[in-house]
């Protein structure tokens, strides 16, 4: 079983790879989420845009959680 060490700095959290989930929208485009980070959602008209946007959302989510002293889950 793989065990992860809890990161000690924001930079270490930012380096973690969190799985993303893409949801194609009926009208076009994609909604994308990082399920391990509750509420971390974004969207994009193309796959590339959606992936870029969720990476920006991940950074903002982690920075905000870090600054507020919130618990940050590790990726599963």
C-alpha atoms as a PDB file:
ATOM      1  CA  UNK A   1       0.000   0.000   0.000  1.00  0.00           C
ATOM      2  CA  UNK A   2       1.319   3.424  -0.987  1.00  0.00           C
ATOM      3  CA  UNK A   3       1.633   5.889   1.878  1.00  0.00           C
ATOM      4  CA  UNK A   4       2.003   9.602   1.286  1.00  0.00           C
ATOM      5  CA  UNK A   5       3.810  11.909   3.660  1.00  0.00           C
ATOM      6  CA  UNK A   6       1.798  14.994   4.561  1.00  0.00           C
ATOM      7  CA  UNK A   7       3.304  18.025   2.811  1.00  0.00           C
ATOM      8  CA  UNK A   8       4.801  20.680   5.063  1.00  0.00           C
ATOM      9  CA  UNK A   9       4.701  23.686   2.727  1.00  0.00           C
ATOM     10  CA  UNK A  10       2.238  25.231   0.300  1.00  0.00           C
ATOM     11  CA  UNK A  11       4.711  24.567  -2.519  1.00  0.00           C
ATOM     12  CA  UNK A  12       4.650  20.840  -1.700  1.00  0.00           C
ATOM     13  CA  UNK A  13       0.834  20.822  -1.846  1.00  0.00           C
ATOM     14  CA  UNK A  14       0.921  22.667  -5.167  1.00  0.00           C
ATOM     15  CA  UNK A  15       3.237  19.969  -6.553  1.00  0.00           C
ATOM     16  CA  UNK A  16       0.789  17.159  -5.725  1.00  0.00           C
ATOM     17  CA  UNK A  17      -1.084  15.639  -8.640  1.00  0.00           C
ATOM     18  CA  UNK A  18      -4.810  15.597  -7.979  1.00  0.00           C
ATOM     19  CA  UNK A  19      -6.967  13.552 -10.379  1.00  0.00           C
ATOM     20  CA  UNK A  20      -9.465  15.573 -12.377  1.00  0.00           C
ATOM     21  CA  UNK A  21     -12.875  14.543 -13.666  1.00  0.00           C
ATOM     22  CA  UNK A  22     -14.233  15.973 -16.919  1.00  0.00           C
ATOM     23  CA  UNK A  23     -17.946  16.192 -17.640  1.00  0.00           C
ATOM     24  CA  UNK A  24     -18.959  16.996 -21.241  1.00  0.00           C
ATOM     25  CA  UNK A  25     -21.838  19.484 -21.357  1.00  0.00           C
ATOM     26  CA  UNK A  26     -24.862  18.949 -23.631  1.00  0.00           C
ATOM     27  CA  UNK A  27     -24.510  22.431 -25.146  1.00  0.00           C
ATOM     28  CA  UNK A  28     -20.743  22.031 -25.649  1.00  0.00           C
ATOM     29  CA  UNK A  29     -17.746  22.610 -23.480  1.00  0.00           C
ATOM     30  CA  UNK A  30     -16.774  20.823 -20.293  1.00  0.00           C
ATOM     31  CA  UNK A  31     -17.193  21.098 -16.568  1.00  0.00           C
ATOM     32  CA  UNK A  32     -14.163  19.845 -14.686  1.00  0.00           C
ATOM     33  CA  UNK A  33     -13.671  19.024 -11.018  1.00  0.00           C
ATOM     34  CA  UNK A  34     -11.047  17.909  -8.553  1.00  0.00           C
ATOM     35  CA  UNK A  35     -13.186  15.661  -6.364  1.00  0.00           C
ATOM     36  CA  UNK A  36     -10.513  15.446  -3.643  1.00  0.00           C
ATOM     37  CA  UNK A  37     -10.777  19.241  -3.143  1.00  0.00           C
ATOM     38  CA  UNK A  38     -14.443  19.904  -2.288  1.00  0.00           C
ATOM     39  CA  UNK A  39     -15.912  22.698  -4.403  1.00  0.00           C
ATOM     40  CA  UNK A  40     -12.919  22.870  -6.741  1.00  0.00           C
ATOM     41  CA  UNK A  41     -14.719  23.228 -10.076  1.00  0.00           C
ATOM     42  CA  UNK A  42     -14.184  24.997 -13.354  1.00  0.00           C
ATOM     43  CA  UNK A  43     -15.214  24.815 -16.984  1.00  0.00           C
ATOM     44  CA  UNK A  44     -13.926  25.406 -20.478  1.00  0.00           C
ATOM     45  CA  UNK A  45     -15.087  25.391 -24.074  1.00  0.00           C
ATOM     46  CA  UNK A  46     -12.355  22.887 -25.060  1.00  0.00           C
ATOM     47  CA  UNK A  47     -10.597  20.091 -23.188  1.00  0.00           C
ATOM     48  CA  UNK A  48      -7.395  22.132 -23.164  1.00  0.00           C
ATOM     49  CA  UNK A  49      -9.155  25.201 -21.746  1.00  0.00           C
ATOM     50  CA  UNK A  50     -10.975  23.112 -19.125  1.00  0.00           C
ATOM     51  CA  UNK A  51      -7.728  21.477 -17.949  1.00  0.00           C
ATOM     52  CA  UNK A  52      -5.932  24.842 -17.817  1.00  0.00           C
ATOM     53  CA  UNK A  53      -8.805  26.382 -15.868  1.00  0.00           C
ATOM     54  CA  UNK A  54      -8.987  23.567 -13.312  1.00  0.00           C
ATOM     55  CA  UNK A  55      -5.249  23.866 -12.677  1.00  0.00           C
ATOM     56  CA  UNK A  56      -5.766  27.574 -11.919  1.00  0.00           C
ATOM     57  CA  UNK A  57      -8.718  26.687  -9.670  1.00  0.00           C
ATOM     58  CA  UNK A  58      -6.567  24.079  -7.873  1.00  0.00           C
ATOM     59  CA  UNK A  59      -3.908  26.693  -7.122  1.00  0.00           C
ATOM     60  CA  UNK A  60      -6.502  29.166  -5.809  1.00  0.00           C
ATOM     61  CA  UNK A  61      -8.204  26.435  -3.724  1.00  0.00           C
ATOM     62  CA  UNK A  62      -4.936  25.297  -2.148  1.00  0.00           C
ATOM     63  CA  UNK A  63      -3.649  28.845  -1.511  1.00  0.00           C
ATOM     64  CA  UNK A  64      -6.929  29.828   0.158  1.00  0.00           C
ATOM     65  CA  UNK A  65      -7.063  26.688   2.314  1.00  0.00           C
ATOM     66  CA  UNK A  66      -3.413  27.164   3.314  1.00  0.00           C
ATOM     67  CA  UNK A  67      -3.897  30.837   4.233  1.00  0.00           C
ATOM     68  CA  UNK A  68      -7.041  30.012   6.280  1.00  0.00           C
ATOM     69  CA  UNK A  69      -5.377  27.109   8.071  1.00  0.00           C
ATOM     70  CA  UNK A  70      -7.938  24.657   6.691  1.00  0.00           C
ATOM     71  CA  UNK A  71      -7.254  20.956   6.403  1.00  0.00           C
ATOM     72  CA  UNK A  72      -6.051  20.043   2.917  1.00  0.00           C
ATOM     73  CA  UNK A  73      -6.850  16.520   1.737  1.00  0.00           C
ATOM     74  CA  UNK A  74      -4.224  14.480  -0.045  1.00  0.00           C
ATOM     75  CA  UNK A  75      -5.040  13.155  -3.514  1.00  0.00           C
ATOM     76  CA  UNK A  76      -6.454   9.642  -3.595  1.00  0.00           C
END
